[in-house]
């Protein structure tokens, strides 16, 4: 079997599956149960000045028959005394010395506050610290969480304060509630961060009850924005991880977070640059034992690929994640319908006719039965028909060889700029021959 062990910013872990700082890591009892189930690590629920949580705090978005497609919460950091948490962290690490135990921290943006909590936490023996600059609700209104995480200079400054006294690796957790995630990531690195983790939750309101008109959730008739997570946020998280992974000015290990519910999700995050992953909603939905399926699935995948170590996945797809301007505009694919497996539900025809490029015809075959056929000359390869098709394999997107060489928008622009320079040179020097004229003979 493949080796699932990871080394993240110097932190050893038996596998890449960690529980994220959240309700599942609130107590020693929970974290120890998780380690017994097979989780490689855990980030302890954020410590700081204990707060009072509301008694109604979670909500979910169910979609198309899927429970918990998205998850919303208005819960804040720990509501238990620091001394109690420290005692349980110490006991947990002593009982599970080979598992990664990270502690999430959040305090006011004051140097002495950071120094104090870092020293107290590291004194009991932990593997690393995660600075929570991501929480978008409740704590942000108090000047912490994403209130700091949305200000690059504050991220850098507070990370520097922590690094002044920290003896273990420092991970900075970033908020997605920002225009460019790489800006805050770079400032975390400038402050001395050993690694970054992303994404924290996204600002959200789960819904409104159409009978009572209360928000969901509500507390005595009043609601507030919360943090959104779960499968629905995975594409956003994956993109932000990739942006940081391909930015040479970031250049530190990444812990991927956001909608990871299976070994396939974890593998995608690792291919896009994450050295490990953190999971919350899936554990809250299905319990700690889901990690068993994740471990088995990832092991089987690596074995099938002939990959010896899971760390060999890290970053393998980053170079394939580029900008729109680098995409080949002469590349072409078209849709082809397999009439043997097509059930003639007409979903593809309706989607193409109403919202795409009107290139699927409804015909009758030699036996007088209905059939669907793509006019390939008119097909732009948008993928919509294959996406809405309910039968796997009934519609295949096929690459069509072309006569034109590869050309991107950026290539085109460079060519235009070169011609303009040559044209200007020709105007300045009558009789001069431009490079394009030379090439033309």
Protein backbone atom coordinates (compact mmCIF):
# COMPACT_ATOMS: atom_id res chain seq x y z
CA UNK A 1 0.00 0.00 0.00
CA UNK A 2 1.08 3.56 -0.67
CA UNK A 3 2.59 5.66 2.09
CA UNK A 4 -0.03 8.16 3.31
CA UNK A 5 2.27 9.91 5.76
CA UNK A 6 2.80 13.62 5.22
CA UNK A 7 5.24 16.18 6.52
CA UNK A 8 3.56 19.57 6.62
CA UNK A 9 5.79 22.53 7.48
CA UNK A 10 7.83 20.15 9.61
CA UNK A 11 4.76 18.57 11.24
CA UNK A 12 4.54 14.78 10.91
CA UNK A 13 1.14 13.16 10.35
CA UNK A 14 0.17 9.53 9.65
CA UNK A 15 -2.13 10.66 6.82
CA UNK A 16 -3.24 13.92 5.15
CA UNK A 17 -6.72 13.95 6.71
CA UNK A 18 -7.05 16.48 9.52
CA UNK A 19 -10.13 17.76 11.28
CA UNK A 20 -10.49 21.51 10.87
CA UNK A 21 -10.84 23.90 13.78
CA UNK A 22 -14.59 23.72 14.38
CA UNK A 23 -17.26 22.04 16.55
CA UNK A 24 -15.77 18.54 15.95
CA UNK A 25 -12.53 19.59 17.70
CA UNK A 26 -14.10 21.37 20.66
CA UNK A 27 -13.01 18.89 23.37
CA UNK A 28 -10.40 16.30 24.18
CA UNK A 29 -13.09 13.62 24.12
CA UNK A 30 -13.94 14.46 20.50
CA UNK A 31 -10.38 14.76 19.22
CA UNK A 32 -9.35 11.50 20.88
CA UNK A 33 -12.35 9.73 19.32
CA UNK A 34 -11.32 11.15 15.96
CA UNK A 35 -7.75 9.90 16.32
CA UNK A 36 -9.05 6.46 17.29
CA UNK A 37 -11.18 6.48 14.12
CA UNK A 38 -8.10 7.13 11.98
CA UNK A 39 -7.76 10.90 11.47
CA UNK A 40 -4.14 11.89 11.02
CA UNK A 41 -4.43 15.23 12.77
CA UNK A 42 -6.74 17.85 14.20
CA UNK A 43 -6.78 21.59 14.61
CA UNK A 44 -8.25 22.33 18.04
CA UNK A 45 -11.25 24.65 18.08
CA UNK A 46 -10.05 28.25 18.28
CA UNK A 47 -8.82 29.39 21.70
CA UNK A 48 -8.98 32.94 22.98
CA UNK A 49 -11.06 34.82 25.50
CA UNK A 50 -14.06 32.48 26.05
CA UNK A 51 -17.28 33.84 24.59
CA UNK A 52 -21.00 33.10 24.95
CA UNK A 53 -22.47 31.26 21.97
CA UNK A 54 -26.09 31.41 20.88
CA UNK A 55 -28.31 28.34 21.35
CA UNK A 56 -29.48 28.40 17.71
CA UNK A 57 -26.38 28.43 15.52
CA UNK A 58 -26.46 26.03 12.55
CA UNK A 59 -28.37 25.90 9.27
CA UNK A 60 -28.04 23.90 6.08
CA UNK A 61 -28.85 24.27 2.42
CA UNK A 62 -30.40 21.13 0.94
CA UNK A 63 -30.52 20.91 -2.84
CA UNK A 64 -31.92 18.41 -5.32
CA UNK A 65 -32.47 15.78 -2.66
CA UNK A 66 -28.97 16.13 -1.24
CA UNK A 67 -28.86 16.89 2.45
CA UNK A 68 -26.34 19.50 3.55
CA UNK A 69 -25.12 20.62 0.15
CA UNK A 70 -24.04 23.72 2.05
CA UNK A 71 -23.68 24.44 5.75
CA UNK A 72 -24.02 27.74 7.60
CA UNK A 73 -23.08 28.55 11.18
CA UNK A 74 -23.01 31.53 13.53
CA UNK A 75 -20.96 29.76 16.19
CA UNK A 76 -17.90 31.58 17.49
CA UNK A 77 -14.66 30.44 19.12
CA UNK A 78 -14.42 28.30 22.25
CA UNK A 79 -16.87 29.00 25.04
CA UNK A 80 -14.82 26.95 27.52
CA UNK A 81 -12.13 28.31 29.88
CA UNK A 82 -8.58 28.34 28.50
CA UNK A 83 -7.31 26.25 31.43
CA UNK A 84 -9.78 23.46 30.63
CA UNK A 85 -8.79 23.42 26.97
CA UNK A 86 -5.07 23.38 27.78
CA UNK A 87 -5.51 20.43 30.15
CA UNK A 88 -7.38 18.42 27.52
CA UNK A 89 -4.90 19.32 24.77
CA UNK A 90 -2.04 18.11 26.97
CA UNK A 91 -3.83 14.84 27.73
CA UNK A 92 -4.72 14.26 24.09
CA UNK A 93 -1.19 14.83 22.80
CA UNK A 94 0.24 12.58 25.51
CA UNK A 95 -2.18 9.81 24.53
CA UNK A 96 -1.64 10.22 20.77
CA UNK A 97 1.97 11.39 20.35
CA UNK A 98 2.21 10.41 16.67
CA UNK A 99 -0.86 12.35 15.56
CA UNK A 100 -0.64 15.99 14.49
CA UNK A 101 -2.22 18.29 17.05
CA UNK A 102 -2.46 21.93 16.03
CA UNK A 103 -4.14 24.63 18.09
CA UNK A 104 -6.11 27.46 16.51
CA UNK A 105 -5.71 30.86 18.17
CA UNK A 106 -7.52 34.19 18.00
CA UNK A 107 -6.94 37.21 20.20
CA UNK A 108 -7.12 40.98 19.91
CA UNK A 109 -4.52 42.51 17.57
CA UNK A 110 -2.20 43.33 20.46
CA UNK A 111 1.36 42.09 20.67
CA UNK A 112 1.24 41.17 24.35
CA UNK A 113 -1.99 39.20 23.88
CA UNK A 114 -0.43 37.07 21.15
CA UNK A 115 2.75 36.52 23.12
CA UNK A 116 0.82 35.42 26.18
CA UNK A 117 -1.43 32.85 24.52
CA UNK A 118 1.32 31.43 22.30
CA UNK A 119 3.58 30.80 25.29
CA UNK A 120 0.79 29.18 27.31
CA UNK A 121 -0.29 26.88 24.49
CA UNK A 122 3.21 25.80 23.46
CA UNK A 123 4.14 25.09 27.07
CA UNK A 124 1.81 22.07 27.14
CA UNK A 125 3.32 20.51 24.01
CA UNK A 126 1.63 20.98 20.64
CA UNK A 127 2.81 20.39 17.08
CA UNK A 128 1.91 23.78 15.68
CA UNK A 129 -0.27 26.86 15.81
CA UNK A 130 -2.94 28.08 13.41
CA UNK A 131 -3.77 31.79 13.52
CA UNK A 132 -7.46 32.28 12.80
CA UNK A 133 -7.73 35.35 10.57
CA UNK A 134 -10.76 33.96 8.79
CA UNK A 135 -13.89 33.80 10.97
CA UNK A 136 -16.38 36.16 9.24
CA UNK A 137 -19.00 36.56 11.96
CA UNK A 138 -19.20 37.60 15.58
CA UNK A 139 -15.48 37.84 16.21
CA UNK A 140 -15.01 40.12 13.20
CA UNK A 141 -17.33 42.64 14.84
CA UNK A 142 -14.87 42.64 17.75
CA UNK A 143 -11.89 43.44 15.51
CA UNK A 144 -10.66 39.84 15.19
CA UNK A 145 -11.08 37.02 12.67
CA UNK A 146 -11.72 38.28 9.15
CA UNK A 147 -11.59 41.89 10.37
CA UNK A 148 -7.85 41.29 10.66
CA UNK A 149 -7.76 38.83 7.78
CA UNK A 150 -9.05 41.41 5.32
CA UNK A 151 -6.17 43.76 6.12
CA UNK A 152 -2.86 42.48 4.70
CA UNK A 153 -0.79 44.72 6.95
CA UNK A 154 -2.51 43.38 10.07
CA UNK A 155 -1.96 39.79 8.96
CA UNK A 156 1.72 40.48 8.46
CA UNK A 157 2.10 42.36 11.75
CA UNK A 158 0.29 39.82 13.91
CA UNK A 159 2.13 36.92 12.29
CA UNK A 160 5.39 38.71 13.12
CA UNK A 161 4.31 39.08 16.75
CA UNK A 162 3.56 35.36 16.97
CA UNK A 163 6.85 34.39 15.32
CA UNK A 164 8.75 36.46 17.88
CA UNK A 165 7.95 33.85 20.53
CA UNK A 166 6.64 30.75 18.73
CA UNK A 167 8.77 27.60 18.89
CA UNK A 168 6.49 25.48 16.69
CA UNK A 169 5.38 25.97 13.04
CA UNK A 170 2.91 28.82 12.50
CA UNK A 171 0.06 28.35 10.03
CA UNK A 172 -1.99 31.39 8.99
CA UNK A 173 -5.64 30.67 8.16
CA UNK A 174 -6.98 33.00 5.47
CA UNK A 175 -10.44 34.40 4.84
CA UNK A 176 -12.04 33.98 1.40
CA UNK A 177 -14.03 37.18 1.95
CA UNK A 178 -11.52 39.23 0.01
CA UNK A 179 -10.84 40.20 -3.60
CA UNK A 180 -7.44 38.54 -4.09
CA UNK A 181 -6.43 35.73 -1.74
CA UNK A 182 -2.80 35.86 -2.89
CA UNK A 183 -2.35 39.34 -1.44
CA UNK A 184 -3.12 38.22 2.10
CA UNK A 185 -1.18 35.00 1.57
CA UNK A 186 1.92 36.96 0.57
CA UNK A 187 1.65 39.19 3.63
CA UNK A 188 1.33 36.15 5.88
CA UNK A 189 4.60 34.89 4.39
CA UNK A 190 6.22 38.30 4.82
CA UNK A 191 5.25 38.08 8.48
CA UNK A 192 7.08 34.77 8.76
CA UNK A 193 4.29 32.21 8.35
CA UNK A 194 5.59 28.67 7.95
CA UNK A 195 2.41 27.66 6.11
CA UNK A 196 -1.08 28.88 5.21
CA UNK A 197 -4.48 27.22 5.42
CA UNK A 198 -7.51 28.13 3.34
CA UNK A 199 -10.32 28.72 3.01
CA UNK A 200 -12.20 29.75 6.09
CA UNK A 201 -15.95 30.17 5.76
CA UNK A 202 -17.73 32.52 3.34
CA UNK A 203 -20.14 35.26 4.45
CA UNK A 204 -23.65 33.92 4.05
CA UNK A 205 -27.30 33.84 5.05
CA UNK A 206 -28.71 30.32 4.77
CA UNK A 207 -32.29 31.36 4.05
CA UNK A 208 -35.56 32.92 5.18
CA UNK A 209 -38.54 31.01 6.59
CA UNK A 210 -41.46 31.88 4.29
CA UNK A 211 -44.02 31.17 7.02
CA UNK A 212 -42.52 33.21 9.86
CA UNK A 213 -40.25 35.49 7.77
CA UNK A 214 -37.45 34.80 10.25
CA UNK A 215 -33.91 34.27 9.05
CA UNK A 216 -32.49 30.73 9.14
CA UNK A 217 -31.15 30.27 11.74
CA UNK A 218 -32.67 32.89 14.02
CA UNK A 219 -32.17 33.74 17.66
CA UNK A 220 -35.40 34.97 19.26
CA UNK A 221 -36.54 36.40 15.94
CA UNK A 222 -33.25 37.98 14.91
CA UNK A 223 -30.57 36.65 12.62
CA UNK A 224 -27.07 37.50 11.46
CA UNK A 225 -24.74 36.57 8.64
CA UNK A 226 -22.72 33.43 9.26
CA UNK A 227 -19.98 31.34 7.73
CA UNK A 228 -20.75 29.09 4.75
CA UNK A 229 -18.96 25.80 4.13
CA UNK A 230 -19.66 22.29 2.91
CA UNK A 231 -19.63 20.73 -0.60
CA UNK A 232 -21.05 23.89 -2.22
CA UNK A 233 -17.90 25.91 -1.49
CA UNK A 234 -15.40 23.37 -2.84
CA UNK A 235 -14.91 25.03 -6.28
CA UNK A 236 -14.21 28.39 -4.62
CA UNK A 237 -11.76 26.85 -2.17
CA UNK A 238 -9.99 24.80 -4.84
CA UNK A 239 -9.49 27.88 -7.00
CA UNK A 240 -8.04 29.90 -4.12
CA UNK A 241 -5.68 27.10 -3.14
CA UNK A 242 -4.50 26.90 -6.75
CA UNK A 243 -3.98 30.67 -6.94
CA UNK A 244 -1.74 30.56 -3.88
CA UNK A 245 0.08 27.42 -5.04
CA UNK A 246 1.08 28.94 -8.38
CA UNK A 247 2.18 32.28 -6.89
CA UNK A 248 5.98 32.16 -6.39
CA UNK A 249 5.69 34.95 -3.80
CA UNK A 250 3.71 32.63 -1.52
CA UNK A 251 5.92 29.54 -1.66
CA UNK A 252 4.95 27.89 1.64
CA UNK A 253 3.01 24.67 2.32
CA UNK A 254 -0.78 24.91 2.01
CA UNK A 255 -3.42 23.13 4.07
CA UNK A 256 -6.50 22.86 1.86
CA UNK A 257 -9.94 23.46 3.39
CA UNK A 258 -13.41 23.86 1.92
CA UNK A 259 -16.06 21.31 0.99
CA UNK A 260 -13.80 18.25 1.13
CA UNK A 261 -16.10 15.27 1.58
CA UNK A 262 -14.27 12.33 -0.01
CA UNK A 263 -10.84 10.99 -0.90
CA UNK A 264 -11.40 12.28 -4.43
CA UNK A 265 -11.83 15.82 -3.11
CA UNK A 266 -8.68 15.47 -1.03
CA UNK A 267 -6.70 14.22 -4.03
CA UNK A 268 -7.89 17.19 -6.10
CA UNK A 269 -6.74 19.66 -3.44
CA UNK A 270 -3.36 17.96 -3.20
CA UNK A 271 -2.92 17.96 -6.97
CA UNK A 272 -3.68 21.68 -6.86
CA UNK A 273 -0.92 22.33 -4.34
CA UNK A 274 -2.18 21.40 -0.88
CA UNK A 275 0.18 19.26 1.20
CA UNK A 276 -2.70 18.10 3.37
CA UNK A 277 -6.40 18.80 3.93
CA UNK A 278 -8.73 19.81 6.72
CA UNK A 279 -12.33 18.60 6.94
CA UNK A 280 -15.29 19.72 9.01
CA UNK A 281 -18.77 19.61 7.44
CA UNK A 282 -18.45 16.05 6.15
CA UNK A 283 -17.52 14.86 9.65
CA UNK A 284 -20.46 16.77 11.14
CA UNK A 285 -22.76 15.22 8.57
CA UNK A 286 -21.54 11.62 8.69
CA UNK A 287 -19.41 11.21 11.81
CA UNK A 288 -15.72 10.55 12.39
CA UNK A 289 -15.66 7.13 10.72
CA UNK A 290 -15.91 8.62 7.23
CA UNK A 291 -12.13 8.89 7.41
CA UNK A 292 -11.90 5.12 7.00
CA UNK A 293 -13.42 5.35 3.51
CA UNK A 294 -11.15 8.30 2.70
CA UNK A 295 -8.03 6.38 3.73
CA UNK A 296 -9.02 3.24 1.82
CA UNK A 297 -10.06 5.18 -1.26
CA UNK A 298 -6.87 7.23 -1.39
CA UNK A 299 -4.74 4.15 -0.83
CA UNK A 300 -6.43 2.28 -3.68
CA UNK A 301 -6.12 5.28 -6.00
CA UNK A 302 -2.40 5.66 -5.34
CA UNK A 303 -1.84 1.92 -5.82
CA UNK A 304 -3.70 1.97 -9.15
CA UNK A 305 -1.56 4.91 -10.28
CA UNK A 306 1.63 3.22 -9.12
CA UNK A 307 2.35 6.09 -6.75
CA UNK A 308 4.48 5.21 -3.73
CA UNK A 309 3.80 8.24 -1.52
CA UNK A 310 0.81 10.56 -1.27
CA UNK A 311 3.25 13.49 -1.21
CA UNK A 312 3.96 12.76 -4.87
CA UNK A 313 0.51 14.15 -5.69
CA UNK A 314 1.24 17.59 -4.28
CA UNK A 315 1.17 20.31 -6.92
CA UNK A 316 1.11 18.03 -9.97
CA UNK A 317 -1.77 19.98 -11.57
CA UNK A 318 -0.66 23.50 -10.65
CA UNK A 319 1.17 24.09 -13.93
CA UNK A 320 -2.03 23.23 -15.78
CA UNK A 321 -3.94 25.96 -13.96
CA UNK A 322 -3.29 29.12 -15.92
CA UNK A 323 -5.07 32.32 -16.96
CA UNK A 324 -7.77 32.61 -19.61
CA UNK A 325 -5.36 34.53 -21.81
CA UNK A 326 -3.07 31.49 -22.08
CA UNK A 327 -5.78 29.10 -23.33
CA UNK A 328 -5.51 27.75 -26.88
CA UNK A 329 -8.23 29.46 -28.93
CA UNK A 330 -7.76 26.99 -31.79
CA UNK A 331 -8.45 23.92 -29.64
CA UNK A 332 -11.81 22.36 -30.51
CA UNK A 333 -14.06 19.70 -29.03
CA UNK A 334 -17.57 18.70 -30.08
CA UNK A 335 -20.35 16.66 -28.53
CA UNK A 336 -21.23 13.21 -29.85
CA UNK A 337 -24.31 11.33 -28.74
CA UNK A 338 -24.18 7.56 -28.28
CA UNK A 339 -27.54 6.47 -29.65
CA UNK A 340 -27.18 3.04 -28.02
CA UNK A 341 -27.19 4.47 -24.50
CA UNK A 342 -29.20 7.66 -25.10
CA UNK A 343 -32.67 7.43 -23.50
CA UNK A 344 -34.11 10.30 -25.59
CA UNK A 345 -35.08 12.35 -22.56
CA UNK A 346 -34.31 15.45 -24.67
CA UNK A 347 -32.58 17.23 -21.78
CA UNK A 348 -29.59 17.95 -24.01
CA UNK A 349 -31.77 19.25 -26.84
CA UNK A 350 -33.72 21.56 -24.56
CA UNK A 351 -30.57 22.92 -22.90
CA UNK A 352 -28.83 23.47 -26.23
CA UNK A 353 -31.90 24.92 -27.97
CA UNK A 354 -32.88 27.31 -25.19
CA UNK A 355 -29.58 28.34 -23.61
CA UNK A 356 -26.65 27.35 -25.82
CA UNK A 357 -26.04 27.12 -29.60
CA UNK A 358 -28.99 25.25 -31.16
CA UNK A 359 -26.86 22.48 -32.67
CA UNK A 360 -28.71 19.31 -31.56
CA UNK A 361 -31.37 18.04 -33.95
CA UNK A 362 -34.28 15.74 -33.13
CA UNK A 363 -34.46 13.15 -35.90
CA UNK A 364 -35.94 9.76 -36.71
CA UNK A 365 -33.74 6.74 -37.39
CA UNK A 366 -34.25 4.10 -40.08
CA UNK A 367 -36.58 2.19 -37.78
CA UNK A 368 -38.76 5.22 -37.24
CA UNK A 369 -37.59 5.76 -33.66
CA UNK A 370 -36.61 9.20 -32.31
CA UNK A 371 -32.93 10.03 -32.08
CA UNK A 372 -30.72 13.03 -31.30
CA UNK A 373 -27.78 14.11 -33.39
CA UNK A 374 -25.24 16.92 -32.99
CA UNK A 375 -24.41 19.15 -35.95
CA UNK A 376 -20.71 19.19 -35.24
CA UNK A 377 -19.94 22.12 -37.53
CA UNK A 378 -22.15 24.30 -35.34
CA UNK A 379 -21.10 22.83 -31.98
CA UNK A 380 -18.78 25.08 -29.95
CA UNK A 381 -17.90 22.40 -27.38
CA UNK A 382 -19.44 24.22 -24.43
CA UNK A 383 -20.06 20.92 -22.51
CA UNK A 384 -23.61 21.90 -21.47
CA UNK A 385 -25.31 18.90 -23.08
CA UNK A 386 -22.97 16.43 -21.37
CA UNK A 387 -23.48 18.20 -18.05
CA UNK A 388 -27.29 18.00 -18.10
CA UNK A 389 -27.39 14.44 -19.53
CA UNK A 390 -28.61 12.00 -16.82
CA UNK A 391 -26.87 8.97 -18.39
CA UNK A 392 -23.13 8.58 -17.91
CA UNK A 393 -21.37 8.11 -21.22
CA UNK A 394 -24.37 8.91 -23.40
CA UNK A 395 -22.70 12.13 -24.56
CA UNK A 396 -18.97 12.28 -25.15
CA UNK A 397 -16.94 15.42 -25.72
CA UNK A 398 -14.50 14.57 -28.51
CA UNK A 399 -11.39 16.47 -29.55
CA UNK A 400 -11.45 17.50 -33.21
CA UNK A 401 -8.06 17.82 -34.92
CA UNK A 402 -7.54 21.24 -36.47
CA UNK A 403 -5.27 22.70 -39.12
CA UNK A 404 -4.55 25.88 -37.18
CA UNK A 405 -1.52 26.02 -34.85
CA UNK A 406 -2.02 26.66 -31.17
CA UNK A 407 -2.79 30.32 -30.43
CA UNK A 408 -3.83 32.05 -27.23
CA UNK A 409 -5.18 35.52 -26.65
CA UNK A 410 -1.86 36.52 -25.12
CA UNK A 411 0.01 35.16 -28.17
CA UNK A 412 -2.30 37.13 -30.43
CA UNK A 413 -1.77 40.32 -28.48
CA UNK A 414 2.00 39.89 -28.57
CA UNK A 415 1.86 39.40 -32.34
CA UNK A 416 -0.26 42.53 -32.75
CA UNK A 417 2.13 44.56 -30.59
CA UNK A 418 5.11 43.29 -32.62
CA UNK A 419 3.46 44.31 -35.89
CA UNK A 420 2.66 47.74 -34.47
CA UNK A 421 6.30 48.24 -33.43
CA UNK A 422 7.51 47.16 -36.83
CA UNK A 423 5.00 49.42 -38.53
CA UNK A 424 6.20 52.36 -36.45
CA UNK A 425 9.81 51.53 -37.37
CA UNK A 426 8.92 51.43 -41.06
CA UNK A 427 7.25 54.84 -40.85
CA UNK A 428 10.30 56.31 -39.13
CA UNK A 429 12.78 54.82 -41.62
CA UNK A 430 11.49 54.91 -45.21
CA UNK A 431 12.89 51.99 -47.12
CA UNK A 432 13.43 49.83 -44.01
CA UNK A 433 12.13 46.28 -44.23
CA UNK A 434 10.09 44.99 -41.31
CA UNK A 435 10.55 41.52 -39.86
CA UNK A 436 7.07 40.49 -41.01
CA UNK A 437 7.89 41.63 -44.59
CA UNK A 438 11.11 39.62 -44.48
CA UNK A 439 9.19 36.54 -43.35
CA UNK A 440 6.70 37.09 -46.15
CA UNK A 441 9.58 37.06 -48.67
